[in-house]
Amino acid sequence: MAEEELKKSRTALDAKWDACIDLTVRRFAYSSLAGTLAGLLFFRSPITRWASVAFGAGVGIGTAYTECSYLFEGSVPKWTSSKISSVPYGSSQVSIVF
């Protein structure tokens, strides 16, 4: 019974890695292609064109890394904090000292 659970967890981990690698390769390729097209359309210098390609590749890898971290952790990011403000609205006090 323990061997079956180990195989299931290993299979799930392999599936996550496969999905992550696939996502990374696709996003890297598509973002690099978008950076190449943007560089060809908007920039004349070869240096700025390569910078556009590098920026696109970085965006692709960054978004893939974020998605993979969510995939492995199994949770959605928490964008807001539980405690927004300790001062009620309209009663903030601003002191300007010169």
PDB file of N, CA and C in Angstrom:
ATOM      1  N   MET A   1       0.812  -1.178   0.000  1.00  0.00           N
ATOM      2  CA  MET A   1       0.000   0.000   0.000  1.00  0.00           C
ATOM      3  C   MET A   1       0.869   1.260   0.000  1.00  0.00           C
ATOM      4  N   ALA A   2       1.963   1.237   0.710  1.00  0.00           N
ATOM      5  CA  ALA A   2       2.860   2.385   0.747  1.00  0.00           C
ATOM      6  C   ALA A   2       3.537   2.579  -0.602  1.00  0.00           C
ATOM      7  N   GLU A   3       3.792   1.480  -1.297  1.00  0.00           N
ATOM      8  CA  GLU A   3       4.418   1.590  -2.614  1.00  0.00           C
ATOM      9  C   GLU A   3       3.480   2.254  -3.615  1.00  0.00           C
ATOM     10  N   GLU A   4       2.179   1.977  -3.527  1.00  0.00           N
ATOM     11  CA  GLU A   4       1.212   2.594  -4.425  1.00  0.00           C
ATOM     12  C   GLU A   4       1.129   4.096  -4.188  1.00  0.00           C
ATOM     13  N   GLU A   5       1.145   4.497  -2.928  1.00  0.00           N
ATOM     14  CA  GLU A   5       1.099   5.925  -2.611  1.00  0.00           C
ATOM     15  C   GLU A   5       2.364   6.617  -3.074  1.00  0.00           C
ATOM     16  N   LEU A   6       3.496   5.951  -2.944  1.00  0.00           N
ATOM     17  CA  LEU A   6       4.760   6.517  -3.411  1.00  0.00           C
ATOM     18  C   LEU A   6       4.744   6.678  -4.921  1.00  0.00           C
ATOM     19  N   LYS A   7       4.205   5.691  -5.628  1.00  0.00           N
ATOM     20  CA  LYS A   7       4.115   5.787  -7.085  1.00  0.00           C
ATOM     21  C   LYS A   7       3.173   6.911  -7.503  1.00  0.00           C
ATOM     22  N   LYS A   8       2.052   7.080  -6.792  1.00  0.00           N
ATOM     23  CA  LYS A   8       1.113   8.150  -7.112  1.00  0.00           C
ATOM     24  C   LYS A   8       1.741   9.521  -6.892  1.00  0.00           C
ATOM     25  N   SER A   9       2.440   9.674  -5.782  1.00  0.00           N
ATOM     26  CA  SER A   9       3.070  10.969  -5.508  1.00  0.00           C
ATOM     27  C   SER A   9       4.201  11.243  -6.486  1.00  0.00           C
ATOM     28  N   ARG A  10       4.939  10.203  -6.849  1.00  0.00           N
ATOM     29  CA  ARG A  10       6.024  10.368  -7.806  1.00  0.00           C
ATOM     30  C   ARG A  10       5.462  10.700  -9.189  1.00  0.00           C
ATOM     31  N   THR A  11       4.358  10.055  -9.557  1.00  0.00           N
ATOM     32  CA  THR A  11       3.714  10.339 -10.837  1.00  0.00           C
ATOM     33  C   THR A  11       3.171  11.762 -10.865  1.00  0.00           C
ATOM     34  N   ALA A  12       2.599  12.208  -9.764  1.00  0.00           N
ATOM     35  CA  ALA A  12       2.089  13.578  -9.688  1.00  0.00           C
ATOM     36  C   ALA A  12       3.225  14.586  -9.784  1.00  0.00           C
ATOM     37  N   LEU A  13       4.339  14.288  -9.138  1.00  0.00           N
ATOM     38  CA  LEU A  13       5.493  15.182  -9.207  1.00  0.00           C
ATOM     39  C   LEU A  13       6.063  15.218 -10.619  1.00  0.00           C
ATOM     40  N   ASP A  14       6.128  14.064 -11.278  1.00  0.00           N
ATOM     41  CA  ASP A  14       6.609  14.023 -12.660  1.00  0.00           C
ATOM     42  C   ASP A  14       5.687  14.814 -13.582  1.00  0.00           C
ATOM     43  N   ALA A  15       4.395  14.720 -13.360  1.00  0.00           N
ATOM     44  CA  ALA A  15       3.436  15.472 -14.173  1.00  0.00           C
ATOM     45  C   ALA A  15       3.608  16.976 -13.960  1.00  0.00           C
ATOM     46  N   LYS A  16       3.872  17.374 -12.726  1.00  0.00           N
ATOM     47  CA  LYS A  16       4.097  18.799 -12.453  1.00  0.00           C
ATOM     48  C   LYS A  16       5.363  19.293 -13.150  1.00  0.00           C
ATOM     49  N   TRP A  17       6.431  18.504 -13.090  1.00  0.00           N
ATOM     50  CA  TRP A  17       7.675  18.888 -13.752  1.00  0.00           C
ATOM     51  C   TRP A  17       7.488  18.957 -15.263  1.00  0.00           C
ATOM     52  N   ASP A  18       6.773  17.995 -15.828  1.00  0.00           N
ATOM     53  CA  ASP A  18       6.519  18.021 -17.267  1.00  0.00           C
ATOM     54  C   ASP A  18       5.738  19.266 -17.665  1.00  0.00           C
ATOM     55  N   ALA A  19       4.710  19.586 -16.888  1.00  0.00           N
ATOM     56  CA  ALA A  19       3.915  20.776 -17.175  1.00  0.00           C
ATOM     57  C   ALA A  19       4.749  22.041 -17.032  1.00  0.00           C
ATOM     58  N   CYS A  20       5.604  22.067 -16.032  1.00  0.00           N
ATOM     59  CA  CYS A  20       6.439  23.247 -15.799  1.00  0.00           C
ATOM     60  C   CYS A  20       7.463  23.444 -16.915  1.00  0.00           C
ATOM     61  N   ILE A  21       8.102  22.379 -17.336  1.00  0.00           N
ATOM     62  CA  ILE A  21       9.090  22.483 -18.418  1.00  0.00           C
ATOM     63  C   ILE A  21       8.410  22.885 -19.713  1.00  0.00           C
ATOM     64  N   ASP A  22       7.261  22.300 -19.999  1.00  0.00           N
ATOM     65  CA  ASP A  22       6.512  22.653 -21.201  1.00  0.00           C
ATOM     66  C   ASP A  22       6.106  24.120 -21.182  1.00  0.00           C
ATOM     67  N   LEU A  23       5.606  24.579 -20.056  1.00  0.00           N
ATOM     68  CA  LEU A  23       5.201  25.970 -19.914  1.00  0.00           C
ATOM     69  C   LEU A  23       6.387  26.917 -20.081  1.00  0.00           C
ATOM     70  N   THR A  24       7.510  26.562 -19.501  1.00  0.00           N
ATOM     71  CA  THR A  24       8.695  27.415 -19.589  1.00  0.00           C
ATOM     72  C   THR A  24       9.200  27.527 -21.020  1.00  0.00           C
ATOM     73  N   VAL A  25       9.269  26.405 -21.716  1.00  0.00           N
ATOM     74  CA  VAL A  25       9.764  26.433 -23.098  1.00  0.00           C
ATOM     75  C   VAL A  25       8.821  27.230 -23.986  1.00  0.00           C
ATOM     76  N   ARG A  26       7.513  27.014 -23.837  1.00  0.00           N
ATOM     77  CA  ARG A  26       6.557  27.744 -24.671  1.00  0.00           C
ATOM     78  C   ARG A  26       6.581  29.241 -24.385  1.00  0.00           C
ATOM     79  N   ARG A  27       6.585  29.617 -23.122  1.00  0.00           N
ATOM     80  CA  ARG A  27       6.575  31.049 -22.800  1.00  0.00           C
ATOM     81  C   ARG A  27       7.876  31.729 -23.202  1.00  0.00           C
ATOM     82  N   PHE A  28       8.988  31.028 -23.041  1.00  0.00           N
ATOM     83  CA  PHE A  28      10.269  31.590 -23.472  1.00  0.00           C
ATOM     84  C   PHE A  28      10.262  31.827 -24.980  1.00  0.00           C
ATOM     85  N   ALA A  29       9.796  30.839 -25.739  1.00  0.00           N
ATOM     86  CA  ALA A  29       9.796  30.958 -27.196  1.00  0.00           C
ATOM     87  C   ALA A  29       8.840  32.042 -27.673  1.00  0.00           C
ATOM     88  N   TYR A  30       7.619  32.047 -27.145  1.00  0.00           N
ATOM     89  CA  TYR A  30       6.641  33.032 -27.597  1.00  0.00           C
ATOM     90  C   TYR A  30       7.026  34.447 -27.182  1.00  0.00           C
ATOM     91  N   SER A  31       7.553  34.604 -25.997  1.00  0.00           N
ATOM     92  CA  SER A  31       7.955  35.944 -25.551  1.00  0.00           C
ATOM     93  C   SER A  31       9.177  36.438 -26.311  1.00  0.00           C
ATOM     94  N   SER A  32      10.103  35.537 -26.614  1.00  0.00           N
ATOM     95  CA  SER A  32      11.259  35.930 -27.422  1.00  0.00           C
ATOM     96  C   SER A  32      10.829  36.327 -28.827  1.00  0.00           C
ATOM     97  N   LEU A  33       9.873  35.588 -29.374  1.00  0.00           N
ATOM     98  CA  LEU A  33       9.354  35.930 -30.700  1.00  0.00           C
ATOM     99  C   LEU A  33       8.651  37.285 -30.675  1.00  0.00           C
ATOM    100  N   ALA A  34       7.877  37.534 -29.637  1.00  0.00           N
ATOM    101  CA  ALA A  34       7.210  38.834 -29.513  1.00  0.00           C
ATOM    102  C   ALA A  34       8.235  39.955 -29.360  1.00  0.00           C
ATOM    103  N   GLY A  35       9.295  39.709 -28.591  1.00  0.00           N
ATOM    104  CA  GLY A  35      10.354  40.704 -28.457  1.00  0.00           C
ATOM    105  C   GLY A  35      11.080  40.944 -29.767  1.00  0.00           C
ATOM    106  N   THR A  36      11.272  39.891 -30.547  1.00  0.00           N
ATOM    107  CA  THR A  36      11.912  40.032 -31.857  1.00  0.00           C
ATOM    108  C   THR A  36      11.057  40.878 -32.790  1.00  0.00           C
ATOM    109  N   LEU A  37       9.775  40.582 -32.841  1.00  0.00           N
ATOM    110  CA  LEU A  37       8.884  41.354 -33.709  1.00  0.00           C
ATOM    111  C   LEU A  37       8.797  42.807 -33.268  1.00  0.00           C
ATOM    112  N   ALA A  38       8.703  43.036 -31.966  1.00  0.00           N
ATOM    113  CA  ALA A  38       8.664  44.414 -31.462  1.00  0.00           C
ATOM    114  C   ALA A  38       9.976  45.139 -31.775  1.00  0.00           C
ATOM    115  N   GLY A  39      11.087  44.425 -31.649  1.00  0.00           N
ATOM    116  CA  GLY A  39      12.378  45.036 -31.955  1.00  0.00           C
ATOM    117  C   GLY A  39      12.505  45.406 -33.425  1.00  0.00           C
ATOM    118  N   LEU A  40      11.998  44.538 -34.289  1.00  0.00           N
ATOM    119  CA  LEU A  40      12.055  44.831 -35.721  1.00  0.00           C
ATOM    120  C   LEU A  40      11.147  45.983 -36.104  1.00  0.00           C
ATOM    121  N   LEU A  41      10.014  46.101 -35.435  1.00  0.00           N
ATOM    122  CA  LEU A  41       9.073  47.165 -35.769  1.00  0.00           C
ATOM    123  C   LEU A  41       9.465  48.525 -35.184  1.00  0.00           C
ATOM    124  N   PHE A  42       9.984  48.541 -33.975  1.00  0.00           N
ATOM    125  CA  PHE A  42      10.161  49.811 -33.277  1.00  0.00           C
ATOM    126  C   PHE A  42      11.601  50.321 -33.197  1.00  0.00           C
ATOM    127  N   PHE A  43      12.586  49.460 -33.331  1.00  0.00           N
ATOM    128  CA  PHE A  43      13.963  49.884 -33.107  1.00  0.00           C
ATOM    129  C   PHE A  43      14.805  49.703 -34.363  1.00  0.00           C
ATOM    130  N   ARG A  44      15.792  50.595 -34.527  1.00  0.00           N
ATOM    131  CA  ARG A  44      16.666  50.516 -35.686  1.00  0.00           C
ATOM    132  C   ARG A  44      18.035  49.956 -35.329  1.00  0.00           C
ATOM    133  N   SER A  45      18.473  50.190 -34.132  1.00  0.00           N
ATOM    134  CA  SER A  45      19.796  49.752 -33.720  1.00  0.00           C
ATOM    135  C   SER A  45      19.783  48.263 -33.344  1.00  0.00           C
ATOM    136  N   PRO A  46      20.825  47.527 -33.723  1.00  0.00           N
ATOM    137  CA  PRO A  46      20.876  46.101 -33.356  1.00  0.00           C
ATOM    138  C   PRO A  46      20.926  45.882 -31.838  1.00  0.00           C
ATOM    139  N   ILE A  47      21.521  46.817 -31.127  1.00  0.00           N
ATOM    140  CA  ILE A  47      21.630  46.669 -29.676  1.00  0.00           C
ATOM    141  C   ILE A  47      20.249  46.751 -29.035  1.00  0.00           C
ATOM    142  N   THR A  48      19.448  47.703 -29.455  1.00  0.00           N
ATOM    143  CA  THR A  48      18.115  47.819 -28.877  1.00  0.00           C
ATOM    144  C   THR A  48      17.214  46.673 -29.324  1.00  0.00           C
ATOM    145  N   ARG A  49      17.446  46.146 -30.506  1.00  0.00           N
ATOM    146  CA  ARG A  49      16.682  44.976 -30.942  1.00  0.00           C
ATOM    147  C   ARG A  49      17.003  43.764 -30.072  1.00  0.00           C
ATOM    148  N   TRP A  50      18.289  43.566 -29.780  1.00  0.00           N
ATOM    149  CA  TRP A  50      18.661  42.448 -28.905  1.00  0.00           C
ATOM    150  C   TRP A  50      18.141  42.658 -27.491  1.00  0.00           C
ATOM    151  N   ALA A  51      18.124  43.916 -27.057  1.00  0.00           N
ATOM    152  CA  ALA A  51      17.576  44.202 -25.731  1.00  0.00           C
ATOM    153  C   ALA A  51      16.086  43.884 -25.685  1.00  0.00           C
ATOM    154  N   SER A  52      15.387  44.149 -26.773  1.00  0.00           N
ATOM    155  CA  SER A  52      13.967  43.816 -26.843  1.00  0.00           C
ATOM    156  C   SER A  52      13.747  42.304 -26.798  1.00  0.00           C
ATOM    157  N   VAL A  53      14.590  41.562 -27.470  1.00  0.00           N
ATOM    158  CA  VAL A  53      14.501  40.102 -27.431  1.00  0.00           C
ATOM    159  C   VAL A  53      14.805  39.589 -26.021  1.00  0.00           C
ATOM    160  N   ALA A  54      15.833  40.143 -25.397  1.00  0.00           N
ATOM    161  CA  ALA A  54      16.193  39.723 -24.040  1.00  0.00           C
ATOM    162  C   ALA A  54      15.084  40.069 -23.047  1.00  0.00           C
ATOM    163  N   PHE A  55      14.474  41.222 -23.209  1.00  0.00           N
ATOM    164  CA  PHE A  55      13.367  41.590 -22.330  1.00  0.00           C
ATOM    165  C   PHE A  55      12.199  40.624 -22.494  1.00  0.00           C
ATOM    166  N   GLY A  56      11.875  40.296 -23.735  1.00  0.00           N
ATOM    167  CA  GLY A  56      10.792  39.342 -23.982  1.00  0.00           C
ATOM    168  C   GLY A  56      11.094  37.978 -23.394  1.00  0.00           C
ATOM    169  N   ALA A  57      12.337  37.522 -23.538  1.00  0.00           N
ATOM    170  CA  ALA A  57      12.724  36.231 -22.960  1.00  0.00           C
ATOM    171  C   ALA A  57      12.646  36.270 -21.435  1.00  0.00           C
ATOM    172  N   GLY A  58      13.058  37.363 -20.851  1.00  0.00           N
ATOM    173  CA  GLY A  58      12.980  37.499 -19.395  1.00  0.00           C
ATOM    174  C   GLY A  58      11.554  37.507 -18.882  1.00  0.00           C
ATOM    175  N   VAL A  59      10.676  38.164 -19.604  1.00  0.00           N
ATOM    176  CA  VAL A  59       9.264  38.166 -19.223  1.00  0.00           C
ATOM    177  C   VAL A  59       8.700  36.753 -19.310  1.00  0.00           C
ATOM    178  N   GLY A  60       9.056  36.036 -20.362  1.00  0.00           N
ATOM    179  CA  GLY A  60       8.572  34.665 -20.525  1.00  0.00           C
ATOM    180  C   GLY A  60       9.056  33.747 -19.428  1.00  0.00           C
ATOM    181  N   ILE A  61      10.328  33.828 -19.096  1.00  0.00           N
ATOM    182  CA  ILE A  61      10.875  32.983 -18.029  1.00  0.00           C
ATOM    183  C   ILE A  61      10.296  33.385 -16.677  1.00  0.00           C
ATOM    184  N   GLY A  62      10.127  34.671 -16.452  1.00  0.00           N
ATOM    185  CA  GLY A  62       9.573  35.130 -15.183  1.00  0.00           C
ATOM    186  C   GLY A  62       8.142  34.681 -14.968  1.00  0.00           C
ATOM    187  N   THR A  63       7.316  34.779 -15.999  1.00  0.00           N
ATOM    188  CA  THR A  63       5.934  34.336 -15.847  1.00  0.00           C
ATOM    189  C   THR A  63       5.853  32.819 -15.699  1.00  0.00           C
ATOM    190  N   ALA A  64       6.719  32.111 -16.400  1.00  0.00           N
ATOM    191  CA  ALA A  64       6.733  30.649 -16.255  1.00  0.00           C
ATOM    192  C   ALA A  64       7.190  30.249 -14.854  1.00  0.00           C
ATOM    193  N   TYR A  65       8.171  30.947 -14.313  1.00  0.00           N
ATOM    194  CA  TYR A  65       8.632  30.659 -12.959  1.00  0.00           C
ATOM    195  C   TYR A  65       7.514  30.888 -11.937  1.00  0.00           C
ATOM    196  N   THR A  66       6.771  31.973 -12.119  1.00  0.00           N
ATOM    197  CA  THR A  66       5.670  32.269 -11.213  1.00  0.00           C
ATOM    198  C   THR A  66       4.594  31.191 -11.282  1.00  0.00           C
ATOM    199  N   GLU A  67       4.225  30.804 -12.484  1.00  0.00           N
ATOM    200  CA  GLU A  67       3.202  29.764 -12.638  1.00  0.00           C
ATOM    201  C   GLU A  67       3.680  28.427 -12.078  1.00  0.00           C
ATOM    202  N   CYS A  68       4.946  28.106 -12.282  1.00  0.00           N
ATOM    203  CA  CYS A  68       5.478  26.845 -11.758  1.00  0.00           C
ATOM    204  C   CYS A  68       5.539  26.853 -10.238  1.00  0.00           C
ATOM    205  N   SER A  69       5.854  27.987  -9.647  1.00  0.00           N
ATOM    206  CA  SER A  69       5.872  28.039  -8.190  1.00  0.00           C
ATOM    207  C   SER A  69       4.468  27.853  -7.628  1.00  0.00           C
ATOM    208  N   TYR A  70       3.451  28.392  -8.310  1.00  0.00           N
ATOM    209  CA  TYR A  70       2.074  28.160  -7.883  1.00  0.00           C
ATOM    210  C   TYR A  70       1.696  26.699  -8.072  1.00  0.00           C
ATOM    211  N   LEU A  71       2.181  26.105  -9.135  1.00  0.00           N
ATOM    212  CA  LEU A  71       1.863  24.703  -9.408  1.00  0.00           C
ATOM    213  C   LEU A  71       2.453  23.780  -8.351  1.00  0.00           C
ATOM    214  N   PHE A  72       3.688  24.034  -7.956  1.00  0.00           N
ATOM    215  CA  PHE A  72       4.329  23.173  -6.967  1.00  0.00           C
ATOM    216  C   PHE A  72       3.829  23.435  -5.551  1.00  0.00           C
ATOM    217  N   GLU A  73       3.529  24.683  -5.225  1.00  0.00           N
ATOM    218  CA  GLU A  73       3.035  24.994  -3.885  1.00  0.00           C
ATOM    219  C   GLU A  73       1.555  24.664  -3.752  1.00  0.00           C
ATOM    220  N   GLY A  74       0.829  24.717  -4.846  1.00  0.00           N
ATOM    221  CA  GLY A  74      -0.577  24.375  -4.819  1.00  0.00           C
ATOM    222  C   GLY A  74      -1.471  25.438  -4.225  1.00  0.00           C
ATOM    223  N   SER A  75      -1.018  26.679  -4.209  1.00  0.00           N
ATOM    224  CA  SER A  75      -1.850  27.739  -3.660  1.00  0.00           C
ATOM    225  C   SER A  75      -1.832  28.943  -4.575  1.00  0.00           C
ATOM    226  N   VAL A  76      -2.851  29.744  -4.455  1.00  0.00           N
ATOM    227  CA  VAL A  76      -2.968  30.973  -5.205  1.00  0.00           C
ATOM    228  C   VAL A  76      -2.347  32.084  -4.373  1.00  0.00           C
ATOM    229  N   PRO A  77      -1.673  33.052  -4.988  1.00  0.00           N
ATOM    230  CA  PRO A  77      -1.031  34.096  -4.195  1.00  0.00           C
ATOM    231  C   PRO A  77      -2.043  34.958  -3.448  1.00  0.00           C
ATOM    232  N   LYS A  78      -1.627  35.436  -2.318  1.00  0.00           N
ATOM    233  CA  LYS A  78      -2.462  36.308  -1.506  1.00  0.00           C
ATOM    234  C   LYS A  78      -1.999  37.738  -1.760  1.00  0.00           C
ATOM    235  N   TRP A  79      -2.779  38.488  -2.532  1.00  0.00           N
ATOM    236  CA  TRP A  79      -2.359  39.813  -2.954  1.00  0.00           C
ATOM    237  C   TRP A  79      -2.628  40.879  -1.910  1.00  0.00           C
ATOM    238  N   THR A  80      -3.638  40.721  -1.090  1.00  0.00           N
ATOM    239  CA  THR A  80      -3.940  41.742  -0.093  1.00  0.00           C
ATOM    240  C   THR A  80      -3.661  41.195   1.297  1.00  0.00           C
ATOM    241  N   SER A  81      -3.276  42.071   2.163  1.00  0.00           N
ATOM    242  CA  SER A  81      -3.041  41.657   3.534  1.00  0.00           C
ATOM    243  C   SER A  81      -4.364  41.627   4.284  1.00  0.00           C
ATOM    244  N   SER A  82      -4.382  40.906   5.395  1.00  0.00           N
ATOM    245  CA  SER A  82      -5.612  40.807   6.165  1.00  0.00           C
ATOM    246  C   SER A  82      -5.923  42.115   6.893  1.00  0.00           C
ATOM    247  N   LYS A  83      -4.885  42.855   7.221  1.00  0.00           N
ATOM    248  CA  LYS A  83      -5.077  44.128   7.913  1.00  0.00           C
ATOM    249  C   LYS A  83      -4.668  45.240   6.953  1.00  0.00           C
ATOM    250  N   ILE A  84      -5.637  45.946   6.427  1.00  0.00           N
ATOM    251  CA  ILE A  84      -5.348  46.959   5.422  1.00  0.00           C
ATOM    252  C   ILE A  84      -4.792  48.223   6.072  1.00  0.00           C
ATOM    253  N   SER A  85      -5.493  48.730   7.053  1.00  0.00           N
ATOM    254  CA  SER A  85      -5.051  49.962   7.677  1.00  0.00           C
ATOM    255  C   SER A  85      -5.528  49.995   9.120  1.00  0.00           C
ATOM    256  N   SER A  86      -4.714  50.560   9.971  1.00  0.00           N
ATOM    257  CA  SER A  86      -5.122  50.681  11.362  1.00  0.00           C
ATOM    258  C   SER A  86      -5.826  52.004  11.618  1.00  0.00           C
ATOM    259  N   VAL A  87      -5.746  52.951  10.659  1.00  0.00           N
ATOM    260  CA  VAL A  87      -6.385  54.251  10.810  1.00  0.00           C
ATOM    261  C   VAL A  87      -7.679  54.238  10.005  1.00  0.00           C
ATOM    262  N   PRO A  88      -8.815  54.568  10.623  1.00  0.00           N
ATOM    263  CA  PRO A  88     -10.081  54.604   9.885  1.00  0.00           C
ATOM    264  C   PRO A  88     -10.046  55.672   8.794  1.00  0.00           C
ATOM    265  N   TYR A  89     -10.853  55.468   7.783  1.00  0.00           N
ATOM    266  CA  TYR A  89     -10.904  56.391   6.663  1.00  0.00           C
ATOM    267  C   TYR A  89     -11.435  57.747   7.122  1.00  0.00           C
ATOM    268  N   GLY A  90     -10.768  58.798   6.702  1.00  0.00           N
ATOM    269  CA  GLY A  90     -11.198  60.136   7.030  1.00  0.00           C
ATOM    270  C   GLY A  90     -10.638  60.701   8.313  1.00  0.00           C
ATOM    271  N   SER A  91      -9.988  59.880   9.111  1.00  0.00           N
ATOM    272  CA  SER A  91      -9.460  60.392  10.364  1.00  0.00           C
ATOM    273  C   SER A  91      -7.933  60.377  10.385  1.00  0.00           C
ATOM    274  N   SER A  92      -7.328  60.370   9.211  1.00  0.00           N
ATOM    275  CA  SER A  92      -5.867  60.377   9.188  1.00  0.00           C
ATOM    276  C   SER A  92      -5.364  61.764   9.553  1.00  0.00           C
ATOM    277  N   GLN A  93      -4.272  61.804  10.256  1.00  0.00           N
ATOM    278  CA  GLN A  93      -3.697  63.070  10.666  1.00  0.00           C
ATOM    279  C   GLN A  93      -2.342  63.193   9.996  1.00  0.00           C
ATOM    280  N   VAL A  94      -2.173  64.325   9.325  1.00  0.00           N
ATOM    281  CA  VAL A  94      -0.934  64.587   8.613  1.00  0.00           C
ATOM    282  C   VAL A  94      -0.225  65.735   9.314  1.00  0.00           C
ATOM    283  N   SER A  95       0.992  65.537   9.669  1.00  0.00           N
ATOM    284  CA  SER A  95       1.774  66.611  10.308  1.00  0.00           C
ATOM    285  C   SER A  95       2.915  66.990   9.386  1.00  0.00           C
ATOM    286  N   ILE A  96       2.998  68.248   9.074  1.00  0.00           N
ATOM    287  CA  ILE A  96       4.084  68.757   8.247  1.00  0.00           C
ATOM    288  C   ILE A  96       4.976  69.593   9.124  1.00  0.00           C
ATOM    289  N   VAL A  97       6.222  69.213   9.195  1.00  0.00           N
ATOM    290  CA  VAL A  97       7.189  69.911  10.044  1.00  0.00           C
ATOM    291  C   VAL A  97       8.252  70.511   9.150  1.00  0.00           C
ATOM    292  N   PHE A  98       8.486  71.803   9.326  1.00  0.00           N
ATOM    293  CA  PHE A  98       9.515  72.480   8.540  1.00  0.00           C
ATOM    294  C   PHE A  98      10.706  72.782   9.368  1.00  0.00           C
TER     295      PHE A  98
END
